[in-house]
Amino acid sequence: GLPAAAAISPRGHYTLAIDAASASGYTITATAVAGGTQ
């Protein structure tokens, strides 16, 4: 339930997503923005 801005890193170098989730765990990935330095 977070705002859309939460899906972007504070300085804008990465986008974030929850790839998988269950009762026992989860996976969160930060991907470098295309065309950026990272």
PDB file of all heavy atoms in Angstrom:
ATOM      1  N   GLY A   1       0.797  -1.219   0.000  1.00  0.00           N
ATOM      2  CA  GLY A   1       0.000   0.000   0.000  1.00  0.00           C
ATOM      3  C   GLY A   1       0.827   1.265   0.000  1.00  0.00           C
ATOM      4  O   GLY A   1       0.356   2.317   0.443  1.00  0.00           O
ATOM      5  N   LEU A   2       2.039   1.226  -0.528  1.00  0.00           N
ATOM      6  CA  LEU A   2       2.916   2.403  -0.570  1.00  0.00           C
ATOM      7  C   LEU A   2       2.678   3.202  -1.848  1.00  0.00           C
ATOM      8  O   LEU A   2       2.178   2.665  -2.846  1.00  0.00           O
ATOM      9  CB  LEU A   2       4.386   1.957  -0.504  1.00  0.00           C
ATOM     10  CG  LEU A   2       4.797   1.203   0.772  1.00  0.00           C
ATOM     11  CD1 LEU A   2       6.256   0.754   0.653  1.00  0.00           C
ATOM     12  CD2 LEU A   2       4.607   2.086   2.002  1.00  0.00           C
ATOM     13  N   PRO A   3       2.995   4.489  -1.867  1.00  0.00           N
ATOM     14  CA  PRO A   3       2.828   5.290  -3.089  1.00  0.00           C
ATOM     15  C   PRO A   3       3.768   4.820  -4.198  1.00  0.00           C
ATOM     16  O   PRO A   3       4.752   4.103  -3.949  1.00  0.00           O
ATOM     17  CB  PRO A   3       3.177   6.708  -2.627  1.00  0.00           C
ATOM     18  CG  PRO A   3       4.017   6.519  -1.411  1.00  0.00           C
ATOM     19  CD  PRO A   3       3.513   5.275  -0.741  1.00  0.00           C
ATOM     20  N   ALA A   4       3.476   5.273  -5.416  1.00  0.00           N
ATOM     21  CA  ALA A   4       4.274   4.844  -6.568  1.00  0.00           C
ATOM     22  C   ALA A   4       5.735   5.261  -6.437  1.00  0.00           C
ATOM     23  O   ALA A   4       6.629   4.598  -6.979  1.00  0.00           O
ATOM     24  CB  ALA A   4       3.671   5.417  -7.855  1.00  0.00           C
ATOM     25  N   ALA A   5       5.987   6.360  -5.719  1.00  0.00           N
ATOM     26  CA  ALA A   5       7.369   6.825  -5.540  1.00  0.00           C
ATOM     27  C   ALA A   5       8.224   5.807  -4.801  1.00  0.00           C
ATOM     28  O   ALA A   5       9.456   5.799  -4.931  1.00  0.00           O
ATOM     29  CB  ALA A   5       7.381   8.161  -4.797  1.00  0.00           C
ATOM     30  N   ALA A   6       7.588   4.916  -4.020  1.00  0.00           N
ATOM     31  CA  ALA A   6       8.331   3.904  -3.278  1.00  0.00           C
ATOM     32  C   ALA A   6       8.934   2.852  -4.194  1.00  0.00           C
ATOM     33  O   ALA A   6       9.820   2.083  -3.782  1.00  0.00           O
ATOM     34  CB  ALA A   6       7.419   3.241  -2.243  1.00  0.00           C
ATOM     35  N   ALA A   7       8.466   2.791  -5.437  1.00  0.00           N
ATOM     36  CA  ALA A   7       9.004   1.827  -6.396  1.00  0.00           C
ATOM     37  C   ALA A   7      10.240   2.360  -7.106  1.00  0.00           C
ATOM     38  O   ALA A   7      10.760   1.708  -8.015  1.00  0.00           O
ATOM     39  CB  ALA A   7       7.937   1.455  -7.418  1.00  0.00           C
ATOM     40  N   ILE A   8      10.712   3.534  -6.695  1.00  0.00           N
ATOM     41  CA  ILE A   8      11.934   4.135  -7.255  1.00  0.00           C
ATOM     42  C   ILE A   8      12.859   4.472  -6.098  1.00  0.00           C
ATOM     43  O   ILE A   8      12.423   4.968  -5.052  1.00  0.00           O
ATOM     44  CB  ILE A   8      11.613   5.398  -8.075  1.00  0.00           C
ATOM     45  CG1 ILE A   8      10.626   5.062  -9.203  1.00  0.00           C
ATOM     46  CG2 ILE A   8      12.886   6.009  -8.651  1.00  0.00           C
ATOM     47  CD1 ILE A   8      10.160   6.276  -9.977  1.00  0.00           C
ATOM     48  N   SER A   9      14.139   4.215  -6.264  1.00  0.00           N
ATOM     49  CA  SER A   9      15.099   4.497  -5.200  1.00  0.00           C
ATOM     50  C   SER A   9      15.149   5.995  -4.918  1.00  0.00           C
ATOM     51  O   SER A   9      14.792   6.819  -5.775  1.00  0.00           O
ATOM     52  CB  SER A   9      16.486   3.974  -5.591  1.00  0.00           C
ATOM     53  OG  SER A   9      16.955   4.635  -6.756  1.00  0.00           O
ATOM     54  N   PRO A  10      15.580   6.399  -3.721  1.00  0.00           N
ATOM     55  CA  PRO A  10      15.560   7.821  -3.342  1.00  0.00           C
ATOM     56  C   PRO A  10      16.255   8.753  -4.326  1.00  0.00           C
ATOM     57  O   PRO A  10      15.799   9.874  -4.560  1.00  0.00           O
ATOM     58  CB  PRO A  10      16.265   7.818  -1.979  1.00  0.00           C
ATOM     59  CG  PRO A  10      16.014   6.455  -1.429  1.00  0.00           C
ATOM     60  CD  PRO A  10      16.021   5.544  -2.611  1.00  0.00           C
ATOM     61  N   ARG A  11      17.348   8.333  -4.916  1.00  0.00           N
ATOM     62  CA  ARG A  11      18.082   9.186  -5.849  1.00  0.00           C
ATOM     63  C   ARG A  11      17.779   8.871  -7.311  1.00  0.00           C
ATOM     64  O   ARG A  11      18.392   9.436  -8.207  1.00  0.00           O
ATOM     65  CB  ARG A  11      19.592   9.061  -5.578  1.00  0.00           C
ATOM     66  CG  ARG A  11      19.981   9.520  -4.175  1.00  0.00           C
ATOM     67  CD  ARG A  11      21.456   9.367  -3.915  1.00  0.00           C
ATOM     68  NE  ARG A  11      22.245  10.199  -4.805  1.00  0.00           N
ATOM     69  CZ  ARG A  11      23.584  10.202  -4.832  1.00  0.00           C
ATOM     70  NH1 ARG A  11      24.260   9.403  -4.009  1.00  0.00           N
ATOM     71  NH2 ARG A  11      24.227  10.974  -5.669  1.00  0.00           N
ATOM     72  N   GLY A  12      16.837   7.949  -7.533  1.00  0.00           N
ATOM     73  CA  GLY A  12      16.360   7.687  -8.884  1.00  0.00           C
ATOM     74  C   GLY A  12      17.242   6.817  -9.753  1.00  0.00           C
ATOM     75  O   GLY A  12      17.029   6.751 -10.967  1.00  0.00           O
ATOM     76  N   HIS A  13      18.195   6.110  -9.175  1.00  0.00           N
ATOM     77  CA  HIS A  13      19.088   5.271  -9.984  1.00  0.00           C
ATOM     78  C   HIS A  13      18.539   3.857 -10.207  1.00  0.00           C
ATOM     79  O   HIS A  13      19.032   3.144 -11.089  1.00  0.00           O
ATOM     80  CB  HIS A  13      20.464   5.176  -9.315  1.00  0.00           C
ATOM     81  CG  HIS A  13      21.160   6.489  -9.171  1.00  0.00           C
ATOM     82  ND1 HIS A  13      21.438   7.310 -10.241  1.00  0.00           N
ATOM     83  CD2 HIS A  13      21.620   7.143  -8.074  1.00  0.00           C
ATOM     84  CE1 HIS A  13      22.052   8.402  -9.820  1.00  0.00           C
ATOM     85  NE2 HIS A  13      22.172   8.323  -8.516  1.00  0.00           N
ATOM     86  N   TYR A  14      17.541   3.454  -9.426  1.00  0.00           N
ATOM     87  CA  TYR A  14      17.024   2.085  -9.513  1.00  0.00           C
ATOM     88  C   TYR A  14      15.492   2.085  -9.435  1.00  0.00           C
ATOM     89  O   TYR A  14      14.890   2.969  -8.814  1.00  0.00           O
ATOM     90  CB  TYR A  14      17.564   1.217  -8.367  1.00  0.00           C
ATOM     91  CG  TYR A  14      19.061   1.014  -8.387  1.00  0.00           C
ATOM     92  CD1 TYR A  14      19.916   1.943  -7.792  1.00  0.00           C
ATOM     93  CD2 TYR A  14      19.625  -0.102  -8.989  1.00  0.00           C
ATOM     94  CE1 TYR A  14      21.296   1.762  -7.808  1.00  0.00           C
ATOM     95  CE2 TYR A  14      21.000  -0.293  -9.006  1.00  0.00           C
ATOM     96  CZ  TYR A  14      21.828   0.643  -8.418  1.00  0.00           C
ATOM     97  OH  TYR A  14      23.183   0.465  -8.432  1.00  0.00           O
ATOM     98  N   THR A  15      14.906   1.090 -10.082  1.00  0.00           N
ATOM     99  CA  THR A  15      13.485   0.792  -9.880  1.00  0.00           C
ATOM    100  C   THR A  15      13.390  -0.456  -9.007  1.00  0.00           C
ATOM    101  O   THR A  15      14.267  -1.325  -9.045  1.00  0.00           O
ATOM    102  CB  THR A  15      12.777   0.542 -11.215  1.00  0.00           C
ATOM    103  OG1 THR A  15      13.420  -0.551 -11.911  1.00  0.00           O
ATOM    104  CG2 THR A  15      12.831   1.782 -12.099  1.00  0.00           C
ATOM    105  N   LEU A  16      12.313  -0.565  -8.219  1.00  0.00           N
ATOM    106  CA  LEU A  16      12.180  -1.663  -7.265  1.00  0.00           C
ATOM    107  C   LEU A  16      10.911  -2.451  -7.513  1.00  0.00           C
ATOM    108  O   LEU A  16       9.901  -1.896  -7.974  1.00  0.00           O
ATOM    109  CB  LEU A  16      12.192  -1.116  -5.838  1.00  0.00           C
ATOM    110  CG  LEU A  16      13.499  -0.405  -5.469  1.00  0.00           C
ATOM    111  CD1 LEU A  16      13.230   1.057  -5.209  1.00  0.00           C
ATOM    112  CD2 LEU A  16      14.157  -1.054  -4.277  1.00  0.00           C
ATOM    113  N   ALA A  17      10.982  -3.715  -7.198  1.00  0.00           N
ATOM    114  CA  ALA A  17       9.815  -4.588  -7.377  1.00  0.00           C
ATOM    115  C   ALA A  17       9.919  -5.770  -6.426  1.00  0.00           C
ATOM    116  O   ALA A  17      11.021  -6.227  -6.078  1.00  0.00           O
ATOM    117  CB  ALA A  17       9.731  -5.084  -8.813  1.00  0.00           C
ATOM    118  N   ILE A  18       8.761  -6.256  -5.991  1.00  0.00           N
ATOM    119  CA  ILE A  18       8.700  -7.493  -5.210  1.00  0.00           C
ATOM    120  C   ILE A  18       8.454  -8.625  -6.197  1.00  0.00           C
ATOM    121  O   ILE A  18       7.410  -8.695  -6.846  1.00  0.00           O
ATOM    122  CB  ILE A  18       7.573  -7.423  -4.166  1.00  0.00           C
ATOM    123  CG1 ILE A  18       7.836  -6.287  -3.186  1.00  0.00           C
ATOM    124  CG2 ILE A  18       7.466  -8.756  -3.421  1.00  0.00           C
ATOM    125  CD1 ILE A  18       6.726  -6.081  -2.172  1.00  0.00           C
ATOM    126  N   ASP A  19       9.451  -9.491  -6.333  1.00  0.00           N
ATOM    127  CA  ASP A  19       9.378 -10.544  -7.347  1.00  0.00           C
ATOM    128  C   ASP A  19       8.555 -11.745  -6.891  1.00  0.00           C
ATOM    129  O   ASP A  19       7.901 -12.413  -7.708  1.00  0.00           O
ATOM    130  CB  ASP A  19      10.788 -11.009  -7.723  1.00  0.00           C
ATOM    131  CG  ASP A  19      11.640  -9.876  -8.257  1.00  0.00           C
ATOM    132  OD1 ASP A  19      11.096  -9.010  -8.971  1.00  0.00           O
ATOM    133  OD2 ASP A  19      12.846  -9.845  -7.960  1.00  0.00           O
ATOM    134  N   ALA A  20       8.623 -12.053  -5.622  1.00  0.00           N
ATOM    135  CA  ALA A  20       7.894 -13.224  -5.109  1.00  0.00           C
ATOM    136  C   ALA A  20       7.611 -13.014  -3.633  1.00  0.00           C
ATOM    137  O   ALA A  20       8.353 -12.308  -2.936  1.00  0.00           O
ATOM    138  CB  ALA A  20       8.716 -14.488  -5.328  1.00  0.00           C
ATOM    139  N   ALA A  21       6.547 -13.621  -3.160  1.00  0.00           N
ATOM    140  CA  ALA A  21       6.196 -13.501  -1.743  1.00  0.00           C
ATOM    141  C   ALA A  21       5.351 -14.704  -1.333  1.00  0.00           C
ATOM    142  O   ALA A  21       4.567 -15.243  -2.127  1.00  0.00           O
ATOM    143  CB  ALA A  21       5.443 -12.201  -1.486  1.00  0.00           C
ATOM    144  N   SER A  22       5.528 -15.124  -0.096  1.00  0.00           N
ATOM    145  CA  SER A  22       4.758 -16.243   0.456  1.00  0.00           C
ATOM    146  C   SER A  22       4.674 -16.057   1.964  1.00  0.00           C
ATOM    147  O   SER A  22       5.075 -15.016   2.502  1.00  0.00           O
ATOM    148  CB  SER A  22       5.441 -17.577   0.110  1.00  0.00           C
ATOM    149  OG  SER A  22       6.703 -17.651   0.748  1.00  0.00           O
ATOM    150  N   ALA A  23       4.228 -17.058   2.631  1.00  0.00           N
ATOM    151  CA  ALA A  23       4.145 -16.980   4.089  1.00  0.00           C
ATOM    152  C   ALA A  23       5.513 -17.112   4.744  1.00  0.00           C
ATOM    153  O   ALA A  23       5.703 -16.691   5.893  1.00  0.00           O
ATOM    154  CB  ALA A  23       3.192 -18.052   4.612  1.00  0.00           C
ATOM    155  N   SER A  24       6.473 -17.673   4.009  1.00  0.00           N
ATOM    156  CA  SER A  24       7.789 -17.933   4.613  1.00  0.00           C
ATOM    157  C   SER A  24       8.896 -16.997   4.113  1.00  0.00           C
ATOM    158  O   SER A  24      10.008 -17.009   4.639  1.00  0.00           O
ATOM    159  CB  SER A  24       8.209 -19.373   4.338  1.00  0.00           C
ATOM    160  OG  SER A  24       8.294 -19.617   2.939  1.00  0.00           O
ATOM    161  N   GLY A  25       8.602 -16.195   3.089  1.00  0.00           N
ATOM    162  CA  GLY A  25       9.666 -15.336   2.589  1.00  0.00           C
ATOM    163  C   GLY A  25       9.238 -14.465   1.427  1.00  0.00           C
ATOM    164  O   GLY A  25       8.073 -14.470   1.009  1.00  0.00           O
ATOM    165  N   TYR A  26      10.180 -13.737   0.889  1.00  0.00           N
ATOM    166  CA  TYR A  26       9.912 -12.827  -0.235  1.00  0.00           C
ATOM    167  C   TYR A  26      11.230 -12.479  -0.927  1.00  0.00           C
ATOM    168  O   TYR A  26      12.324 -12.740  -0.397  1.00  0.00           O
ATOM    169  CB  TYR A  26       9.219 -11.549   0.246  1.00  0.00           C
ATOM    170  CG  TYR A  26      10.036 -10.763   1.257  1.00  0.00           C
ATOM    171  CD1 TYR A  26      10.955  -9.799   0.864  1.00  0.00           C
ATOM    172  CD2 TYR A  26       9.889 -11.026   2.623  1.00  0.00           C
ATOM    173  CE1 TYR A  26      11.707  -9.110   1.802  1.00  0.00           C
ATOM    174  CE2 TYR A  26      10.641 -10.348   3.556  1.00  0.00           C
ATOM    175  CZ  TYR A  26      11.544  -9.374   3.148  1.00  0.00           C
ATOM    176  OH  TYR A  26      12.295  -8.701   4.074  1.00  0.00           O
ATOM    177  N   THR A  27      11.086 -11.876  -2.098  1.00  0.00           N
ATOM    178  CA  THR A  27      12.255 -11.418  -2.861  1.00  0.00           C
ATOM    179  C   THR A  27      11.995 -10.007  -3.369  1.00  0.00           C
ATOM    180  O   THR A  27      10.952  -9.754  -3.973  1.00  0.00           O
ATOM    181  CB  THR A  27      12.531 -12.350  -4.062  1.00  0.00           C
ATOM    182  OG1 THR A  27      12.756 -13.679  -3.593  1.00  0.00           O
ATOM    183  CG2 THR A  27      13.758 -11.881  -4.821  1.00  0.00           C
ATOM    184  N   ILE A  28      12.927  -9.103  -3.111  1.00  0.00           N
ATOM    185  CA  ILE A  28      12.838  -7.716  -3.581  1.00  0.00           C
ATOM    186  C   ILE A  28      14.062  -7.424  -4.441  1.00  0.00           C
ATOM    187  O   ILE A  28      15.199  -7.714  -4.036  1.00  0.00           O
ATOM    188  CB  ILE A  28      12.791  -6.711  -2.421  1.00  0.00           C
ATOM    189  CG1 ILE A  28      11.716  -7.102  -1.412  1.00  0.00           C
ATOM    190  CG2 ILE A  28      12.556  -5.295  -2.936  1.00  0.00           C
ATOM    191  CD1 ILE A  28      11.741  -6.245  -0.156  1.00  0.00           C
ATOM    192  N   THR A  29      13.838  -6.832  -5.614  1.00  0.00           N
ATOM    193  CA  THR A  29      14.942  -6.568  -6.551  1.00  0.00           C
ATOM    194  C   THR A  29      14.982  -5.099  -6.927  1.00  0.00           C
ATOM    195  O   THR A  29      13.948  -4.480  -7.203  1.00  0.00           O
ATOM    196  CB  THR A  29      14.782  -7.406  -7.838  1.00  0.00           C
ATOM    197  OG1 THR A  29      14.713  -8.786  -7.487  1.00  0.00           O
ATOM    198  CG2 THR A  29      15.961  -7.181  -8.778  1.00  0.00           C
ATOM    199  N   ALA A  30      16.189  -4.554  -6.940  1.00  0.00           N
ATOM    200  CA  ALA A  30      16.446  -3.190  -7.430  1.00  0.00           C
ATOM    201  C   ALA A  30      17.181  -3.318  -8.760  1.00  0.00           C
ATOM    202  O   ALA A  30      18.241  -3.953  -8.834  1.00  0.00           O
ATOM    203  CB  ALA A  30      17.283  -2.403  -6.434  1.00  0.00           C
ATOM    204  N   THR A  31      16.611  -2.725  -9.806  1.00  0.00           N
ATOM    205  CA  THR A  31      17.183  -2.812 -11.153  1.00  0.00           C
ATOM    206  C   THR A  31      17.624  -1.426 -11.606  1.00  0.00           C
ATOM    207  O   THR A  31      16.863  -0.459 -11.486  1.00  0.00           O
ATOM    208  CB  THR A  31      16.153  -3.370 -12.149  1.00  0.00           C
ATOM    209  OG1 THR A  31      15.683  -4.642 -11.680  1.00  0.00           O
ATOM    210  CG2 THR A  31      16.764  -3.535 -13.529  1.00  0.00           C
ATOM    211  N   ALA A  32      18.833  -1.342 -12.137  1.00  0.00           N
ATOM    212  CA  ALA A  32      19.369  -0.058 -12.595  1.00  0.00           C
ATOM    213  C   ALA A  32      18.496   0.515 -13.705  1.00  0.00           C
ATOM    214  O   ALA A  32      18.038  -0.208 -14.595  1.00  0.00           O
ATOM    215  CB  ALA A  32      20.802  -0.227 -13.084  1.00  0.00           C
ATOM    216  N   VAL A  33      18.259   1.823 -13.653  1.00  0.00           N
ATOM    217  CA  VAL A  33      17.445   2.493 -14.663  1.00  0.00           C
ATOM    218  C   VAL A  33      18.160   2.453 -16.002  1.00  0.00           C
ATOM    219  O   VAL A  33      19.363   2.754 -16.091  1.00  0.00           O
ATOM    220  CB  VAL A  33      17.168   3.946 -14.243  1.00  0.00           C
ATOM    221  CG1 VAL A  33      16.444   4.709 -15.351  1.00  0.00           C
ATOM    222  CG2 VAL A  33      16.351   3.971 -12.951  1.00  0.00           C
ATOM    223  N   ALA A  34      17.450   2.070 -17.041  1.00  0.00           N
ATOM    224  CA  ALA A  34      18.047   1.994 -18.376  1.00  0.00           C
ATOM    225  C   ALA A  34      18.531   3.368 -18.818  1.00  0.00           C
ATOM    226  O   ALA A  34      17.827   4.370 -18.674  1.00  0.00           O
ATOM    227  CB  ALA A  34      17.020   1.454 -19.371  1.00  0.00           C
ATOM    228  N   GLY A  35      19.745   3.405 -19.343  1.00  0.00           N
ATOM    229  CA  GLY A  35      20.329   4.653 -19.815  1.00  0.00           C
ATOM    230  C   GLY A  35      21.030   5.451 -18.737  1.00  0.00           C
ATOM    231  O   GLY A  35      21.695   6.447 -19.039  1.00  0.00           O
ATOM    232  N   GLY A  36      20.898   5.046 -17.480  1.00  0.00           N
ATOM    233  CA  GLY A  36      21.565   5.740 -16.385  1.00  0.00           C
ATOM    234  C   GLY A  36      22.986   5.251 -16.185  1.00  0.00           C
ATOM    235  O   GLY A  36      23.441   4.290 -16.821  1.00  0.00           O
ATOM    236  N   THR A  37      23.676   5.913 -15.277  1.00  0.00           N
ATOM    237  CA  THR A  37      25.069   5.526 -14.996  1.00  0.00           C
ATOM    238  C   THR A  37      25.169   4.103 -14.490  1.00  0.00           C
ATOM    239  O   THR A  37      26.060   3.355 -14.872  1.00  0.00           O
ATOM    240  CB  THR A  37      25.676   6.487 -13.957  1.00  0.00           C
ATOM    241  OG1 THR A  37      25.578   7.820 -14.429  1.00  0.00           O
ATOM    242  CG2 THR A  37      27.147   6.162 -13.724  1.00  0.00           C
ATOM    243  N   GLN A  38      24.225   3.691 -13.639  1.00  0.00           N
ATOM    244  CA  GLN A  38      24.291   2.358 -13.043  1.00  0.00           C
ATOM    245  C   GLN A  38      23.998   1.254 -14.044  1.00  0.00           C
ATOM    246  O   GLN A  38      24.298   0.089 -13.787  1.00  0.00           O
ATOM    247  CB  GLN A  38      23.317   2.271 -11.870  1.00  0.00           C
ATOM    248  CG  GLN A  38      23.647   3.223 -10.734  1.00  0.00           C
ATOM    249  CD  GLN A  38      25.082   3.109 -10.283  1.00  0.00           C
ATOM    250  OE1 GLN A  38      25.910   3.935 -10.666  1.00  0.00           O
ATOM    251  NE2 GLN A  38      25.395   2.104  -9.500  1.00  0.00           N
TER     252      GLN A  38
END
